[in-house]
Amino acid sequence: MNGIIDYQTRIQRMSSPDGKISPNGNTIKSLYDNIPSRFDLYSLRAIMVGGSWETVNTFFKHVVTTMETRSINTPLRRAHFLAQLGHESGSFRYTEEIASGAAYEGRKDLGNTEKGDGQRFKGRGLIQLTGRANYTAYGNAISQNLTVDGNWTKVSTDPVLAADAAGWFWETHNLNTVADTDDIKKITRVVNGGSNGLADRQDYLKRAKWFLVYP
């Protein structure tokens, strides 16, 4: 409360600061209007509430580069992209799926046609790239063979690839266009194949919209 009173006194210049924030009051509007519009490390840290400063700092520049190169260039596109990354990676804490990947064994829709493909090509990267088909396609896009010699692990161990693979998936599935319509359910179906974790993704989206100053 003391911090709010100080803000009301110094910034809003209220004659009788009350230390309260009403959802429809002038203080909340003032706070919103004074959030910096640029996307920076601090706003990313605020969005990725479960991640540490060290982890968020590790990925910040790579996420920025990915957004720049994949035309994720509006507040709404960025908000949706970061919301999906936030959920899929647990605020950048995980770049590899915790499960073994055995559940993907034999999934021809993922291109898993060889024995061991389920574990070999389980979810990795900030958006959990999954399946031989996706690893092959992404590898071709970056001129690397990610299907041999354990190269598939690079998607989780190399922060550049972890972020870039997410951007590649986003771009190749035309998710900027979907983000423009603000349809998180449709984006989630593309990313996840269903609606798993939708409520958590929506929470990330709300925070992202706030800190990216999207009305």
Foldseek 3Di string as FASTA:
>chain_A
DVVLQVCCCPPVVDPDRDSDDDPPDPSVVVVLVPQDQDDDLVLLCQLLVQDDSVQSVVQVVLLVVLCVVLVCDDLLSVLLLSLLLCVQCVSRVFFFDPDQQPVCAPVVVQPRDDPPQRNLFFFGASLGGGGPVLQCVVCVVVVHNCNPDSNVCCCHVPSNNSNNSSSVLCRVVVVSVVSVVVDSQVVCCSSPVHCPPVVSSVSSSVSSCSNNSPD
